N, C-alpha and C. Protein backbone atom coordinates (compact mmCIF):
# COMPACT_ATOMS: atom_id res chain seq x y z
N MET A 1 9.89 -26.66 -5.23
CA MET A 1 10.91 -25.91 -5.08
C MET A 1 10.67 -24.20 -4.96
N ASN A 2 11.51 -23.71 -3.76
CA ASN A 2 11.09 -22.26 -3.27
C ASN A 2 11.79 -21.09 -4.26
N LEU A 3 11.25 -19.92 -4.00
CA LEU A 3 12.04 -19.14 -5.04
C LEU A 3 13.48 -19.12 -4.57
N LYS A 4 13.80 -19.02 -3.32
CA LYS A 4 15.33 -18.74 -3.01
C LYS A 4 16.04 -20.04 -3.68
N SER A 5 15.49 -21.14 -3.54
CA SER A 5 16.35 -22.47 -4.44
C SER A 5 16.16 -22.22 -5.66
N ARG A 6 15.20 -21.68 -6.41
CA ARG A 6 15.12 -21.60 -7.58
C ARG A 6 16.05 -20.71 -7.84
N VAL A 7 16.42 -19.07 -7.23
CA VAL A 7 17.31 -18.46 -7.87
C VAL A 7 18.37 -19.09 -7.68
N LEU A 8 18.97 -19.63 -6.69
CA LEU A 8 20.38 -20.32 -6.71
C LEU A 8 20.72 -20.95 -7.42
N GLU A 9 19.88 -21.73 -7.79
CA GLU A 9 20.04 -22.82 -8.81
C GLU A 9 20.54 -22.26 -10.06
N PHE A 10 19.37 -20.77 -10.36
CA PHE A 10 19.82 -20.55 -11.64
C PHE A 10 21.22 -19.36 -11.35
N ILE A 11 21.49 -19.21 -10.83
CA ILE A 11 22.94 -18.02 -10.52
C ILE A 11 24.28 -19.47 -10.73
N ASN A 12 23.80 -20.48 -10.14
CA ASN A 12 25.07 -21.55 -10.41
C ASN A 12 25.22 -21.94 -11.48
N GLN A 13 24.08 -21.96 -12.18
CA GLN A 13 23.78 -22.50 -13.73
C GLN A 13 24.09 -21.57 -14.71
N ASN A 14 24.89 -20.39 -14.36
CA ASN A 14 24.99 -19.23 -15.08
C ASN A 14 26.36 -18.53 -14.45
N GLU A 15 27.55 -19.39 -14.79
CA GLU A 15 28.76 -19.00 -14.38
C GLU A 15 29.04 -17.71 -14.93
N GLN A 16 28.54 -17.23 -16.13
CA GLN A 16 29.33 -15.98 -16.67
C GLN A 16 28.60 -14.49 -15.73
N GLY A 17 27.78 -15.08 -14.88
CA GLY A 17 27.48 -14.41 -13.98
C GLY A 17 25.89 -13.64 -14.24
N VAL A 18 24.79 -13.01 -13.22
CA VAL A 18 23.62 -12.75 -14.16
C VAL A 18 23.13 -11.54 -13.52
N LYS A 19 22.37 -10.70 -14.19
CA LYS A 19 21.95 -9.54 -13.80
C LYS A 19 20.10 -9.89 -13.08
N ILE A 20 20.05 -9.35 -12.29
CA ILE A 20 18.16 -9.43 -11.81
C ILE A 20 17.69 -9.16 -12.91
N SER A 21 17.53 -8.66 -13.68
CA SER A 21 16.86 -8.24 -15.10
C SER A 21 17.03 -9.78 -15.68
N ASP A 22 18.25 -10.23 -15.83
CA ASP A 22 18.26 -11.74 -16.42
C ASP A 22 17.23 -12.58 -15.78
N MET A 23 16.82 -12.60 -14.48
CA MET A 23 16.37 -13.78 -14.34
C MET A 23 14.97 -13.84 -14.25
N GLU A 24 14.40 -12.31 -14.55
CA GLU A 24 12.86 -12.14 -14.47
C GLU A 24 12.11 -13.05 -15.35
N ALA A 25 12.37 -12.95 -16.61
CA ALA A 25 11.15 -13.75 -17.30
C ALA A 25 11.81 -15.07 -17.03
N PRO A 26 12.69 -15.82 -16.82
CA PRO A 26 13.05 -17.33 -16.84
C PRO A 26 12.08 -17.81 -15.55
N LEU A 27 12.27 -16.95 -14.59
CA LEU A 27 11.80 -17.14 -13.24
C LEU A 27 10.18 -17.02 -12.79
N GLY A 28 9.84 -16.20 -13.90
CA GLY A 28 8.53 -15.62 -13.76
C GLY A 28 8.46 -14.95 -12.36
N GLU A 29 9.23 -13.91 -12.14
CA GLU A 29 9.25 -12.95 -11.19
C GLU A 29 9.66 -11.94 -10.97
N LYS A 30 8.84 -10.47 -10.36
CA LYS A 30 9.27 -9.26 -10.40
C LYS A 30 10.72 -8.61 -10.01
N ARG A 31 11.39 -8.07 -10.08
CA ARG A 31 12.64 -7.44 -9.84
C ARG A 31 12.67 -6.95 -8.56
N MET A 32 11.80 -6.63 -8.12
CA MET A 32 11.48 -6.31 -6.61
C MET A 32 11.53 -7.47 -5.44
N LYS A 33 11.12 -8.35 -6.00
CA LYS A 33 11.15 -9.70 -5.27
C LYS A 33 12.14 -10.36 -5.47
N LEU A 34 12.80 -10.44 -6.73
CA LEU A 34 14.60 -11.20 -7.10
C LEU A 34 15.57 -10.52 -5.99
N GLY A 35 15.13 -9.32 -6.43
CA GLY A 35 16.22 -8.21 -5.46
C GLY A 35 16.23 -8.96 -3.81
N PHE A 36 15.09 -8.91 -3.44
CA PHE A 36 15.26 -9.32 -2.15
C PHE A 36 15.70 -10.82 -1.87
N VAL A 37 15.37 -11.46 -2.65
CA VAL A 37 16.10 -12.88 -2.63
C VAL A 37 17.29 -13.05 -2.69
N THR A 38 17.99 -12.29 -3.82
CA THR A 38 19.65 -12.21 -3.83
C THR A 38 20.05 -11.33 -2.77
N LYS A 39 19.58 -10.56 -2.17
CA LYS A 39 20.18 -10.01 -1.56
C LYS A 39 20.16 -10.81 0.09
N SER A 40 19.26 -11.94 0.29
CA SER A 40 19.67 -12.71 1.32
C SER A 40 20.39 -13.97 1.51
N LEU A 41 20.29 -13.98 0.11
CA LEU A 41 21.99 -15.13 -0.82
C LEU A 41 23.01 -14.86 -0.34
N LEU A 42 23.10 -13.45 -0.84
CA LEU A 42 24.40 -12.73 -0.74
C LEU A 42 24.88 -12.43 0.76
N ASP A 43 23.87 -12.45 1.45
CA ASP A 43 23.87 -12.08 3.04
C ASP A 43 24.37 -13.54 3.54
N GLU A 44 24.09 -14.47 3.11
CA GLU A 44 24.52 -16.04 3.67
C GLU A 44 25.38 -16.58 3.23
N GLY A 45 26.09 -15.62 2.09
CA GLY A 45 27.32 -16.05 1.29
C GLY A 45 27.30 -17.32 0.36
N LYS A 46 25.89 -17.36 0.04
CA LYS A 46 25.73 -18.19 -1.15
C LYS A 46 26.00 -18.29 -2.34
N ILE A 47 26.00 -16.69 -2.77
CA ILE A 47 26.06 -15.90 -4.18
C ILE A 47 26.99 -14.81 -3.80
N GLN A 48 27.85 -14.71 -4.91
CA GLN A 48 28.34 -12.87 -4.56
C GLN A 48 27.95 -12.17 -5.64
N LYS A 49 28.40 -11.15 -5.53
CA LYS A 49 27.86 -9.66 -6.24
C LYS A 49 29.50 -9.27 -6.63
N ILE A 50 29.28 -8.85 -7.78
CA ILE A 50 30.40 -7.89 -8.65
C ILE A 50 29.88 -7.10 -9.50
N LYS A 51 29.85 -5.65 -9.17
CA LYS A 51 29.28 -4.84 -9.87
C LYS A 51 27.71 -4.99 -9.70
N ASP A 52 27.10 -5.38 -10.90
CA ASP A 52 25.48 -5.11 -10.94
C ASP A 52 25.28 -7.13 -11.24
N CYS A 53 26.33 -7.97 -11.26
CA CYS A 53 26.21 -9.24 -11.57
C CYS A 53 26.44 -9.77 -10.45
N TYR A 54 25.21 -11.08 -10.37
CA TYR A 54 25.62 -12.33 -9.45
C TYR A 54 25.80 -13.35 -9.97
N TYR A 55 27.22 -14.27 -9.02
CA TYR A 55 27.79 -15.30 -9.62
C TYR A 55 27.94 -16.40 -8.76
N PRO A 56 28.03 -17.53 -9.02
CA PRO A 56 27.94 -18.64 -7.93
C PRO A 56 29.30 -18.61 -7.01
N VAL A 57 29.33 -18.93 -6.21
CA VAL A 57 30.59 -19.06 -5.14
C VAL A 57 31.19 -20.07 -5.46
N TYR A 58 32.77 -19.96 -5.06
CA TYR A 58 33.50 -20.91 -5.67
C TYR A 58 34.61 -21.00 -4.63
N ASP A 59 34.58 -22.57 -4.54
CA ASP A 59 35.48 -22.71 -3.01
C ASP A 59 36.85 -22.55 -3.54
N SER A 60 37.51 -21.93 -3.12
CA SER A 60 38.95 -21.26 -3.33
C SER A 60 39.88 -22.24 -3.27
N LYS A 61 39.62 -23.21 -2.48
CA LYS A 61 40.98 -24.14 -2.07
C LYS A 61 41.25 -25.55 -3.33
N HIS A 62 39.83 -25.66 -4.01
CA HIS A 62 39.93 -26.15 -5.09
C HIS A 62 39.23 -25.74 -6.34
N ASN A 63 39.14 -24.60 -6.28
CA ASN A 63 38.56 -23.78 -7.44
C ASN A 63 37.10 -24.33 -8.15
N ASN A 64 36.75 -24.98 -7.26
CA ASN A 64 35.29 -25.54 -7.79
C ASN A 64 34.20 -25.53 -7.45
N LEU A 65 33.10 -24.72 -8.35
CA LEU A 65 31.84 -24.51 -7.96
C LEU A 65 31.18 -25.09 -6.70
N LYS A 66 30.62 -24.48 -6.04
CA LYS A 66 30.23 -25.19 -4.89
C LYS A 66 28.47 -24.93 -5.26
N LEU A 67 27.79 -25.75 -5.30
CA LEU A 67 26.43 -26.28 -5.57
C LEU A 67 25.87 -26.41 -4.19
N PHE A 68 24.95 -25.41 -4.01
CA PHE A 68 24.05 -25.60 -2.83
C PHE A 68 22.65 -26.31 -2.52
N ARG A 69 22.49 -27.20 -3.28
CA ARG A 69 21.37 -27.98 -3.72
C ARG A 69 20.84 -28.97 -2.42
N ASN A 70 22.15 -29.45 -1.31
CA ASN A 70 21.34 -30.05 -0.33
C ASN A 70 21.03 -29.17 0.82
N PHE A 71 20.93 -27.40 0.49
CA PHE A 71 20.46 -26.86 1.62
C PHE A 71 19.16 -26.62 1.94
N ILE A 72 18.21 -26.60 2.97
CA ILE A 72 17.15 -26.87 2.75
C ILE A 72 16.71 -25.39 3.40
N PHE A 73 15.81 -24.82 2.76
CA PHE A 73 15.60 -23.22 2.86
C PHE A 73 14.05 -23.51 3.78
């Protein structure tokens, strides 16, 4: 699994929101690298950012968490 997939999965598993610093130790990556990946996921609409926390994207029609595990990176 590549880093982008791992970051997306980590964010989707933490519905309360996560900061980049929260991802460093569990994913074993530096903040700078995680920042680039989260920016990419944000631009693709796969996650959302509120203040300094990243959250899973929700389907407003069903208010269910959208999981993007089927995406190919």
